[in-house]
Amino acid sequence: MKFVASDKSCLTWSGDCLVVGLSEESLPLTGLLSDLNEQVSGLLQELIDETDFKAKVGSSAVIRVGGSVRKLAIVGLGAAEDLKLEGLRRAAAVAAKLAKCEKCASLGISFPIWNNSPERTTQTIAEGVTLAMHEDKRFKSDPETPKVVLSDVALLDLPGHEDALETASHVCDGVILARELVAAPPNIVTPASLAETAAAIANDHGLTLKVLEQAECEELGMGAYLGVAMASEMPPKFIHLTYTPAGTPKRKLALIGKGLTFDSGGLNIKAGAGSMIELMKMDMGGAAAVLGAAKAIAQIKPDVEVHFISAATENMISGHAMHPGDILTASNGKTIEVNNTDAEGRLTLADALVYADKLGLDAMVDLATLTGACIVALGNDLAGLFSPNDELAGALANAAEAAGEKLWRMPMEEKYFDGLKSIVADMKNTGPRPGGSITAALFLKQFVKETDWAHMDIAGPVWSEKDNAYNNPGATGYGVRTLVQWILESA
């Protein structure tokens, strides 16, 4: 699709489909909207009356008008005082899907400017359209090709904001990469192919890449990570991708993503209804978000040094598999009694966090599809945020708000660590059933010594079974927009 930040208005643009965003305060029509209604011979008001349109969030209606604009559509924005960036993003998605349904090749969008910020408005609308139009048909034997493809999108009354369109394009590149990594089956996305994806990003955008093979991980004492990897026939790949700005970096950050390309549960195998074993291709959603963020950041080029890290492997079953009761030694010397082989992600993250902690960072964030307990606590739409650092947690929460990704800070109740204490080792890898997402975060905290750190449990929002505005059913690419926004705000 080609986007234009246009100086035309809803009165002067011509094309297949003009979509106007209406707030509840827009009714009855006044000013520019009244002029538009007169220009289309009263059809705008007729559309509102015939559909009993109240401008509720997500509502839409369309009518054929002819002339310089073939079809006129309206999208509800709700109350003007409640309108946020996410509301604009979702309304843009509604507009794009409506234009597609109406078989329109060109689309003009006339929405109000959010908070006197035409740049953010431009970026947000472009993101909503792009992500709504993304469809993953790679594994269809005979994908349907639409007769009319939406190819030209004009953002009206937003001239001169091409930089915002470019930023939106880069962010969406990252989100779409993350979606396609998560959606691909585990016989396609493997530890080796994740490393190849990182190599492609490095080659295309001038980043540096280091991939530690098993022998190098052994030299670094990564016993927790390698304990998980033992049962797989696919060798582990410890991925370290680095973006370095041209000038002196203002900050030095790291993103660490859980990279389990398939999780069988190990000897504590996932079994029975609700085990979700058939969806365990998505257990590398954290790594996918990190690589997606890398692709976006490499193109946006902020004045921040960023390290993108994932300890990639499978959690499989074989004669080499770790047993319940095994004791593993992480690279910081901490010993871990494995009382559940299906709590493997935190073991891989343990060594990844120790590694990142030695890089002299200002802050680091890990993302992981870590616990079903977080889904129980927060449902499928919200990620859990855990951090002992209020400033870092606040910055991530603000970034998530701007990015339109739901995030809720959870407590780190230190006394819950008692449930992880082991008779024979420093700790167990799981605690009691209550507070499972909290004890998982407390486990990870044991492997961070020097750096401000936050953990995001994205088990819920990484995958959706329903069509959700600009997310079609399946992989959502959750986390990319928040991470990119956080990094840009750190610059």
Protein backbone atom coordinates (compact mmCIF):
# COMPACT_ATOMS: atom_id res chain seq x y z
CA MET A 1 0.00 0.00 0.00
CA LYS A 2 1.05 3.55 -0.71
CA PHE A 3 0.33 6.11 2.02
CA VAL A 4 0.14 9.87 1.50
CA ALA A 5 0.00 12.52 4.22
CA SER A 6 -2.31 14.69 2.17
CA ASP A 7 -3.11 18.40 2.21
CA LYS A 8 -6.54 17.60 0.78
CA SER A 9 -9.64 17.62 2.97
CA CYS A 10 -12.80 15.54 2.92
CA LEU A 11 -14.22 18.22 0.61
CA THR A 12 -11.46 18.06 -2.00
CA TRP A 13 -10.20 14.46 -2.00
CA SER A 14 -11.42 12.16 -4.77
CA GLY A 15 -11.26 8.39 -4.94
CA ASP A 16 -13.10 5.15 -4.28
CA CYS A 17 -13.98 5.44 -0.60
CA LEU A 18 -13.96 8.42 1.74
CA VAL A 19 -14.16 7.48 5.44
CA VAL A 20 -15.00 10.17 7.97
CA GLY A 21 -14.52 9.64 11.70
CA LEU A 22 -17.43 10.93 13.76
CA SER A 23 -17.42 11.49 17.51
CA GLU A 24 -20.64 11.65 19.50
CA GLU A 25 -20.19 15.42 19.63
CA SER A 26 -20.12 15.55 15.79
CA LEU A 27 -23.87 14.97 15.73
CA PRO A 28 -25.80 16.91 14.58
CA LEU A 29 -23.52 17.88 11.70
CA THR A 30 -21.90 21.32 11.75
CA GLY A 31 -19.02 23.12 10.08
CA LEU A 32 -16.92 21.06 7.68
CA LEU A 33 -19.18 18.01 8.08
CA SER A 34 -22.23 20.07 7.23
CA ASP A 35 -20.40 21.32 4.14
CA LEU A 36 -19.57 17.73 3.18
CA ASN A 37 -23.21 16.73 3.61
CA GLU A 38 -24.29 19.56 1.30
CA GLN A 39 -21.64 18.57 -1.23
CA VAL A 40 -23.00 15.00 -1.42
CA SER A 41 -26.62 16.20 -1.70
CA GLY A 42 -27.56 15.30 1.88
CA LEU A 43 -26.48 11.67 1.63
CA LEU A 44 -24.24 11.90 4.72
CA GLN A 45 -27.19 12.90 6.91
CA GLU A 46 -29.35 10.30 5.18
CA LEU A 47 -26.78 7.61 6.02
CA ILE A 48 -26.75 8.71 9.66
CA ASP A 49 -30.55 8.72 9.87
CA GLU A 50 -31.18 5.44 8.07
CA THR A 51 -28.63 3.49 10.17
CA ASP A 52 -29.54 5.33 13.41
CA PHE A 53 -25.81 6.06 13.68
CA LYS A 54 -24.77 7.19 17.18
CA ALA A 55 -20.98 7.30 16.62
CA LYS A 56 -20.36 4.47 19.06
CA VAL A 57 -16.82 3.09 19.07
CA GLY A 58 -16.32 0.59 16.25
CA SER A 59 -19.61 1.32 14.48
CA SER A 60 -19.60 2.02 10.76
CA ALA A 61 -21.89 2.55 7.79
CA VAL A 62 -21.38 3.14 4.08
CA ILE A 63 -23.37 4.56 1.18
CA ARG A 64 -22.76 5.00 -2.54
CA VAL A 65 -22.61 8.67 -3.51
CA GLY A 66 -21.06 8.76 -7.00
CA GLY A 67 -19.18 11.68 -8.49
CA SER A 68 -15.60 12.32 -7.40
CA VAL A 69 -16.09 9.98 -4.42
CA ARG A 70 -17.67 6.63 -5.25
CA LYS A 71 -18.57 5.61 -1.67
CA LEU A 72 -18.85 7.53 1.57
CA ALA A 73 -18.40 5.80 4.93
CA ILE A 74 -18.59 6.87 8.55
CA VAL A 75 -16.79 5.31 11.53
CA GLY A 76 -17.72 5.92 15.15
CA LEU A 77 -15.08 7.31 17.52
CA GLY A 78 -17.17 7.48 20.69
CA ALA A 79 -16.99 10.49 23.01
CA ALA A 80 -14.37 13.04 21.94
CA GLU A 81 -13.00 13.39 25.49
CA ASP A 82 -12.37 9.64 25.65
CA LEU A 83 -10.57 9.37 22.32
CA LYS A 84 -7.05 7.97 22.64
CA LEU A 85 -4.43 6.89 20.14
CA GLU A 86 -5.65 3.32 20.39
CA GLY A 87 -9.14 4.50 19.47
CA LEU A 88 -7.77 6.09 16.30
CA ARG A 89 -5.74 2.96 15.51
CA ARG A 90 -8.82 0.75 15.79
CA ALA A 91 -10.99 3.18 13.83
CA ALA A 92 -8.37 3.19 11.06
CA ALA A 93 -8.53 -0.60 11.01
CA VAL A 94 -12.31 -0.46 10.68
CA ALA A 95 -11.94 1.99 7.80
CA ALA A 96 -9.44 -0.23 5.99
CA LYS A 97 -11.51 -3.39 6.38
CA LEU A 98 -14.61 -1.55 5.23
CA ALA A 99 -12.78 -0.31 2.12
CA LYS A 100 -11.59 -3.84 1.41
CA CYS A 101 -15.12 -5.24 1.82
CA GLU A 102 -16.44 -2.56 -0.52
CA LYS A 103 -13.78 -3.48 -3.11
CA CYS A 104 -12.13 -0.08 -3.08
CA ALA A 105 -8.60 0.47 -4.39
CA SER A 106 -8.21 3.97 -2.94
CA LEU A 107 -9.14 5.17 0.53
CA GLY A 108 -9.27 8.65 2.03
CA ILE A 109 -9.39 8.89 5.83
CA SER A 110 -10.58 12.05 7.57
CA PHE A 111 -10.13 11.70 11.33
CA PRO A 112 -9.70 14.34 14.06
CA ILE A 113 -6.17 15.13 15.16
CA TRP A 114 -5.39 13.58 18.54
CA ASN A 115 -4.14 15.89 21.29
CA ASN A 116 -2.87 18.52 18.83
CA SER A 117 -0.30 16.02 17.58
CA PRO A 118 -0.56 15.51 13.81
CA GLU A 119 2.61 13.38 13.84
CA ARG A 120 1.26 10.83 16.30
CA THR A 121 -2.13 10.90 14.58
CA THR A 122 -0.51 10.17 11.22
CA GLN A 123 1.61 7.32 12.57
CA THR A 124 -1.28 5.76 14.45
CA ILE A 125 -3.73 5.78 11.55
CA ALA A 126 -1.12 4.29 9.21
CA GLU A 127 -0.38 1.53 11.74
CA GLY A 128 -4.05 0.68 12.09
CA VAL A 129 -4.56 0.38 8.33
CA THR A 130 -1.36 -1.59 7.69
CA LEU A 131 -1.87 -4.11 10.45
CA ALA A 132 -5.55 -4.60 9.62
CA MET A 133 -4.67 -5.41 6.01
CA HIS A 134 -1.95 -7.95 6.86
CA GLU A 135 -2.98 -11.51 6.06
CA ASP A 136 -0.69 -14.50 6.46
CA LYS A 137 -1.40 -16.93 3.61
CA ARG A 138 2.06 -18.52 3.39
CA PHE A 139 0.84 -22.00 4.15
CA LYS A 140 -2.32 -21.98 2.01
CA SER A 141 -2.06 -24.20 -1.07
CA ASP A 142 -4.43 -21.98 -3.06
CA PRO A 143 -4.69 -18.54 -1.42
CA GLU A 144 -7.53 -16.42 -2.72
CA THR A 145 -6.47 -13.29 -4.59
CA PRO A 146 -8.93 -10.40 -4.27
CA LYS A 147 -10.06 -8.82 -7.51
CA VAL A 148 -9.56 -5.33 -6.07
CA VAL A 149 -6.68 -4.58 -3.70
CA LEU A 150 -6.51 -1.54 -1.44
CA SER A 151 -3.42 0.16 -2.82
CA ASP A 152 -3.63 3.90 -2.07
CA VAL A 153 -4.43 5.47 1.29
CA ALA A 154 -4.60 9.23 1.83
CA LEU A 155 -4.58 10.65 5.35
CA LEU A 156 -6.48 13.88 4.89
CA ASP A 157 -5.59 17.25 6.42
CA LEU A 158 -2.22 15.85 7.55
CA PRO A 159 0.28 17.36 5.10
CA GLY A 160 4.03 17.17 5.63
CA HIS A 161 4.17 14.21 8.01
CA GLU A 162 5.96 11.71 5.80
CA ASP A 163 8.42 10.94 8.63
CA ALA A 164 5.50 9.69 10.73
CA LEU A 165 4.37 7.48 7.84
CA GLU A 166 7.90 6.10 7.58
CA THR A 167 8.02 5.35 11.31
CA ALA A 168 4.66 3.58 11.08
CA SER A 169 5.96 1.48 8.19
CA HIS A 170 9.03 0.40 10.17
CA VAL A 171 6.99 -0.43 13.28
CA CYS A 172 4.56 -2.49 11.22
CA ASP A 173 7.48 -4.30 9.56
CA GLY A 174 8.49 -5.44 13.02
CA VAL A 175 4.98 -6.41 14.12
CA ILE A 176 4.38 -8.41 10.93
CA LEU A 177 7.73 -10.21 11.31
CA ALA A 178 6.77 -11.16 14.88
CA ARG A 179 3.32 -12.33 13.76
CA GLU A 180 4.76 -14.50 11.02
CA LEU A 181 7.40 -16.03 13.29
CA VAL A 182 4.79 -16.96 15.91
CA ALA A 183 2.27 -18.21 13.35
CA ALA A 184 4.73 -20.46 11.51
CA PRO A 185 4.79 -24.13 12.56
CA PRO A 186 7.66 -25.55 14.62
CA ASN A 187 8.99 -27.52 11.66
CA ILE A 188 9.58 -24.17 9.94
CA VAL A 189 10.64 -21.90 12.81
CA THR A 190 13.46 -23.70 14.61
CA PRO A 191 16.35 -22.42 16.73
CA ALA A 192 18.49 -22.37 13.58
CA SER A 193 15.89 -20.46 11.55
CA LEU A 194 15.52 -17.88 14.35
CA ALA A 195 19.27 -17.35 14.12
CA GLU A 196 18.92 -17.03 10.34
CA THR A 197 16.21 -14.40 10.82
CA ALA A 198 18.53 -12.47 13.10
CA ALA A 199 21.29 -12.78 10.47
CA ALA A 200 18.98 -11.40 7.79
CA ILE A 201 18.15 -8.37 9.96
CA ALA A 202 21.85 -7.83 10.64
CA ASN A 203 22.77 -8.10 6.95
CA ASP A 204 19.93 -5.90 5.74
CA HIS A 205 20.36 -3.11 8.27
CA GLY A 206 23.98 -3.12 9.42
CA LEU A 207 23.59 -4.67 12.87
CA THR A 208 26.16 -6.99 14.43
CA LEU A 209 25.29 -10.59 15.26
CA LYS A 210 26.84 -13.15 17.52
CA VAL A 211 25.36 -16.64 17.70
CA LEU A 212 26.77 -18.77 20.50
CA GLU A 213 26.76 -22.46 19.68
CA GLN A 214 26.38 -25.19 22.29
CA ALA A 215 30.12 -25.48 23.03
CA GLU A 216 30.39 -21.74 23.67
CA CYS A 217 27.35 -21.85 25.95
CA GLU A 218 28.97 -24.71 27.84
CA GLU A 219 32.13 -22.61 28.30
CA LEU A 220 29.99 -19.85 29.80
CA GLY A 221 28.40 -22.33 32.21
CA MET A 222 24.86 -21.96 30.88
CA GLY A 223 23.66 -25.13 32.57
CA ALA A 224 20.05 -24.01 32.99
CA TYR A 225 19.59 -23.19 29.29
CA LEU A 226 21.45 -26.26 28.10
CA GLY A 227 19.50 -28.48 30.48
CA VAL A 228 16.35 -27.58 28.56
CA ALA A 229 18.07 -28.11 25.20
CA MET A 230 19.41 -31.61 25.96
CA ALA A 231 16.46 -33.59 24.61
CA SER A 232 16.19 -31.88 21.23
CA GLU A 233 17.91 -33.12 18.11
CA MET A 234 18.15 -29.48 17.01
CA PRO A 235 21.17 -27.69 18.47
CA PRO A 236 20.50 -24.63 20.63
CA LYS A 237 21.29 -21.18 19.27
CA PHE A 238 22.05 -18.32 21.67
CA ILE A 239 21.28 -15.20 19.62
CA HIS A 240 22.83 -11.80 20.39
CA LEU A 241 21.98 -9.08 17.86
CA THR A 242 23.21 -5.53 18.49
CA TYR A 243 22.10 -2.17 17.10
CA THR A 244 24.66 0.61 17.60
CA PRO A 245 23.77 4.19 16.65
CA ALA A 246 26.07 6.35 14.55
CA GLY A 247 26.81 8.77 17.38
CA THR A 248 27.28 8.35 21.11
CA PRO A 249 24.33 6.37 22.46
CA LYS A 250 22.19 8.14 25.03
CA ARG A 251 21.37 4.85 26.73
CA LYS A 252 22.29 1.20 26.51
CA LEU A 253 19.35 -1.21 26.65
CA ALA A 254 18.65 -4.90 26.13
CA LEU A 255 15.58 -6.90 25.13
CA ILE A 256 15.58 -10.59 26.01
CA GLY A 257 12.99 -12.90 24.48
CA LYS A 258 12.03 -16.42 25.45
CA GLY A 259 12.79 -18.53 22.40
CA LEU A 260 11.19 -21.97 22.82
CA THR A 261 10.37 -22.87 19.23
CA PHE A 262 8.33 -25.80 20.52
CA ASP A 263 7.46 -26.79 24.07
CA SER A 264 6.29 -30.37 24.59
CA GLY A 265 6.52 -29.91 28.33
CA GLY A 266 9.42 -32.36 28.50
CA LEU A 267 8.90 -35.42 30.71
CA ASN A 268 6.13 -33.43 32.42
CA ILE A 269 4.44 -33.60 29.03
CA LYS A 270 1.57 -31.31 28.18
CA ALA A 271 -1.41 -33.66 27.91
CA GLY A 272 -5.18 -33.58 27.96
CA ALA A 273 -7.78 -30.96 27.16
CA GLY A 274 -6.54 -27.44 27.70
CA SER A 275 -2.84 -28.32 27.55
CA MET A 276 -2.50 -26.23 24.36
CA ILE A 277 0.33 -28.42 23.12
CA GLU A 278 -0.83 -27.85 19.53
CA LEU A 279 -0.17 -24.10 20.00
CA MET A 280 3.26 -24.43 21.55
CA LYS A 281 4.81 -23.04 18.39
CA MET A 282 3.93 -19.70 20.00
CA ASP A 283 6.26 -20.30 22.95
CA MET A 284 8.87 -18.24 21.13
CA GLY A 285 6.58 -15.18 21.14
CA GLY A 286 9.05 -13.28 23.28
CA ALA A 287 11.90 -13.92 20.86
CA ALA A 288 9.62 -13.01 17.95
CA ALA A 289 8.79 -9.66 19.59
CA VAL A 290 12.46 -8.99 20.23
CA LEU A 291 13.43 -9.73 16.62
CA GLY A 292 10.48 -7.68 15.37
CA ALA A 293 11.64 -4.78 17.52
CA ALA A 294 15.15 -5.23 16.15
CA LYS A 295 13.89 -4.93 12.58
CA ALA A 296 11.97 -1.75 13.42
CA ILE A 297 14.73 -0.12 15.47
CA ALA A 298 17.35 -0.91 12.84
CA GLN A 299 15.34 1.18 10.35
CA ILE A 300 14.25 4.00 12.67
CA LYS A 301 17.82 4.42 13.99
CA PRO A 302 17.38 6.10 17.41
CA ASP A 303 20.37 7.31 19.47
CA VAL A 304 20.19 4.27 21.75
CA GLU A 305 22.32 1.14 21.75
CA VAL A 306 20.09 -1.92 21.91
CA HIS A 307 20.96 -5.58 22.42
CA PHE A 308 18.45 -8.18 21.24
CA ILE A 309 18.97 -11.55 22.93
CA SER A 310 17.32 -14.96 22.87
CA ALA A 311 18.43 -18.35 24.16
CA ALA A 312 16.63 -20.38 21.49
CA THR A 313 15.91 -24.10 21.76
CA GLU A 314 13.16 -26.71 21.88
CA ASN A 315 11.84 -28.48 24.98
CA MET A 316 11.48 -32.05 23.81
CA ILE A 317 11.39 -35.62 25.12
CA SER A 318 14.12 -38.19 24.54
CA GLY A 319 16.58 -40.36 26.43
CA HIS A 320 18.64 -37.22 26.96
CA ALA A 321 15.83 -35.16 28.50
CA MET A 322 16.26 -33.53 31.89
CA HIS A 323 14.33 -35.33 34.61
CA PRO A 324 12.11 -33.96 37.34
CA GLY A 325 14.51 -33.89 40.26
CA ASP A 326 17.61 -32.97 38.26
CA ILE A 327 19.78 -30.14 39.57
CA LEU A 328 21.07 -27.60 37.04
CA THR A 329 23.69 -24.94 37.59
CA ALA A 330 23.11 -21.58 35.90
CA SER A 331 25.92 -19.36 34.63
CA ASN A 332 25.90 -17.24 37.80
CA GLY A 333 26.50 -20.35 39.94
CA LYS A 334 22.94 -20.62 41.27
CA THR A 335 21.66 -24.19 41.49
CA ILE A 336 18.13 -25.11 40.45
CA GLU A 337 16.15 -28.23 41.31
CA VAL A 338 13.92 -29.07 38.35
CA ASN A 339 10.62 -30.08 39.90
CA ASN A 340 8.71 -29.52 36.64
CA THR A 341 10.26 -29.83 33.19
CA ASP A 342 7.36 -27.80 31.76
CA ALA A 343 8.66 -24.71 33.56
CA GLU A 344 11.51 -24.55 31.07
CA GLY A 345 11.27 -20.99 29.77
CA ARG A 346 12.53 -19.48 33.00
CA LEU A 347 15.54 -21.80 32.86
CA THR A 348 16.54 -20.51 29.43
CA LEU A 349 15.89 -16.92 30.50
CA ALA A 350 18.00 -17.37 33.62
CA ASP A 351 21.22 -17.73 31.63
CA ALA A 352 20.13 -15.09 29.10
CA LEU A 353 19.57 -12.59 31.93
CA VAL A 354 22.98 -13.36 33.48
CA TYR A 355 24.58 -12.82 30.07
CA ALA A 356 22.76 -9.51 29.46
CA ASP A 357 23.45 -8.29 33.00
CA LYS A 358 27.18 -8.30 32.22
CA LEU A 359 26.85 -5.94 29.23
CA GLY A 360 26.90 -2.72 31.27
CA LEU A 361 23.30 -1.79 30.50
CA ASP A 362 21.10 1.02 31.75
CA ALA A 363 18.03 -1.24 31.67
CA MET A 364 16.80 -4.52 30.28
CA VAL A 365 13.40 -6.06 29.64
CA ASP A 366 12.55 -9.70 29.09
CA LEU A 367 9.42 -10.92 27.32
CA ALA A 368 8.12 -14.43 27.68
CA THR A 369 5.06 -16.57 27.17
CA LEU A 370 5.92 -17.74 30.65
CA THR A 371 2.90 -18.81 32.69
CA GLY A 372 -0.66 -19.97 32.33
CA ALA A 373 -1.12 -18.35 35.73
CA CYS A 374 -0.80 -14.92 34.13
CA ILE A 375 -3.64 -15.78 31.74
CA VAL A 376 -5.75 -16.86 34.72
CA ALA A 377 -4.97 -13.58 36.47
CA LEU A 378 -5.30 -11.14 33.56
CA GLY A 379 -7.10 -12.97 30.76
CA ASN A 380 -6.07 -13.12 27.13
CA ASP A 381 -5.80 -9.40 26.38
CA LEU A 382 -3.36 -8.14 29.01
CA ALA A 383 0.31 -8.88 29.62
CA GLY A 384 1.68 -8.86 33.14
CA LEU A 385 4.48 -6.44 34.01
CA PHE A 386 6.84 -7.23 36.87
CA SER A 387 9.69 -5.00 38.02
CA PRO A 388 11.31 -3.92 41.28
CA ASN A 389 12.05 -0.56 39.63
CA ASP A 390 9.17 1.93 39.65
CA GLU A 391 10.71 4.26 37.06
CA LEU A 392 11.28 1.47 34.54
CA ALA A 393 7.82 0.00 35.15
CA GLY A 394 6.25 3.42 34.65
CA ALA A 395 8.14 4.02 31.42
CA LEU A 396 7.02 0.67 30.02
CA ALA A 397 3.43 1.27 31.09
CA ASN A 398 3.45 4.66 29.33
CA ALA A 399 4.96 3.13 26.20
CA ALA A 400 2.32 0.40 26.17
CA GLU A 401 -0.44 2.99 26.51
CA ALA A 402 0.86 4.94 23.52
CA ALA A 403 1.38 1.75 21.52
CA GLY A 404 -2.09 0.41 22.23
CA GLU A 405 -0.90 -2.79 23.91
CA LYS A 406 -2.53 -3.62 27.23
CA LEU A 407 -0.17 -4.10 30.15
CA TRP A 408 -0.85 -4.38 33.86
CA ARG A 409 1.77 -4.11 36.60
CA MET A 410 1.77 -7.05 38.97
CA PRO A 411 3.25 -7.24 42.48
CA MET A 412 6.54 -8.91 43.29
CA GLU A 413 5.71 -10.24 46.74
CA GLU A 414 9.12 -11.26 48.04
CA LYS A 415 7.80 -13.65 50.69
CA TYR A 416 6.36 -15.78 47.87
CA PHE A 417 9.94 -16.81 47.08
CA ASP A 418 9.72 -19.12 50.07
CA GLY A 419 7.67 -21.40 47.84
CA LEU A 420 10.68 -21.78 45.52
CA LYS A 421 13.13 -22.85 48.21
CA SER A 422 14.64 -26.29 47.72
CA ILE A 423 15.99 -28.75 50.27
CA VAL A 424 18.80 -29.84 47.95
CA ALA A 425 19.52 -26.75 45.79
CA ASP A 426 19.34 -22.96 45.92
CA MET A 427 15.82 -22.98 44.48
CA LYS A 428 13.23 -24.97 42.58
CA ASN A 429 12.02 -23.91 39.18
CA THR A 430 8.36 -23.77 40.25
CA GLY A 431 6.52 -22.91 43.44
CA PRO A 432 3.00 -23.50 44.72
CA ARG A 433 0.06 -23.13 42.34
CA PRO A 434 -1.23 -19.83 43.82
CA GLY A 435 0.61 -16.77 42.52
CA GLY A 436 2.39 -18.74 39.81
CA SER A 437 3.19 -15.74 37.61
CA ILE A 438 4.63 -13.90 40.63
CA THR A 439 6.89 -16.76 41.70
CA ALA A 440 8.08 -17.07 38.08
CA ALA A 441 9.10 -13.40 38.12
CA LEU A 442 10.81 -13.85 41.49
CA PHE A 443 12.72 -16.79 40.03
CA LEU A 444 13.99 -14.61 37.17
CA LYS A 445 14.99 -11.87 39.61
CA GLN A 446 17.63 -14.19 41.07
CA PHE A 447 19.61 -13.90 37.85
CA VAL A 448 19.78 -10.09 37.69
CA LYS A 449 22.46 -8.40 39.76
CA GLU A 450 23.49 -5.03 38.33
CA THR A 451 20.84 -3.79 35.90
CA ASP A 452 17.40 -2.21 36.19
CA TRP A 453 15.13 -4.99 34.96
CA ALA A 454 11.51 -5.67 34.04
CA HIS A 455 9.74 -8.85 33.02
CA MET A 456 6.69 -9.00 30.75
CA ASP A 457 4.61 -12.18 30.82
CA ILE A 458 2.90 -12.12 27.41
CA ALA A 459 1.30 -15.58 27.52
CA GLY A 460 -2.20 -14.17 27.03
CA PRO A 461 -2.02 -11.53 24.30
CA VAL A 462 0.57 -13.20 22.02
CA TRP A 463 -2.21 -15.20 20.32
CA SER A 464 -5.89 -14.47 19.67
CA GLU A 465 -8.61 -16.80 18.48
CA LYS A 466 -10.80 -13.89 17.38
CA ASP A 467 -10.64 -11.02 14.93
CA ASN A 468 -9.65 -8.04 17.06
CA ALA A 469 -9.67 -4.80 15.03
CA TYR A 470 -6.23 -4.77 13.41
CA ASN A 471 -5.36 -8.28 14.64
CA ASN A 472 -6.80 -11.09 12.56
CA PRO A 473 -7.19 -14.43 14.40
CA GLY A 474 -3.83 -15.97 15.25
CA ALA A 475 -0.50 -14.37 16.13
CA THR A 476 -0.76 -10.73 17.21
CA GLY A 477 2.86 -9.55 17.21
CA TYR A 478 2.28 -8.36 20.77
CA GLY A 479 5.15 -6.50 22.38
CA VAL A 480 6.85 -5.02 19.34
CA ARG A 481 5.05 -1.67 19.45
CA THR A 482 5.58 -1.28 23.20
CA LEU A 483 9.28 -2.12 22.98
CA VAL A 484 9.88 0.24 20.06
CA GLN A 485 7.97 3.04 21.79
CA TRP A 486 9.95 2.51 25.00
CA ILE A 487 13.26 2.65 23.15
CA LEU A 488 12.26 5.76 21.21
CA GLU A 489 11.19 7.47 24.42
CA SER A 490 14.55 6.51 25.94
CA ALA A 491 16.44 8.35 23.19
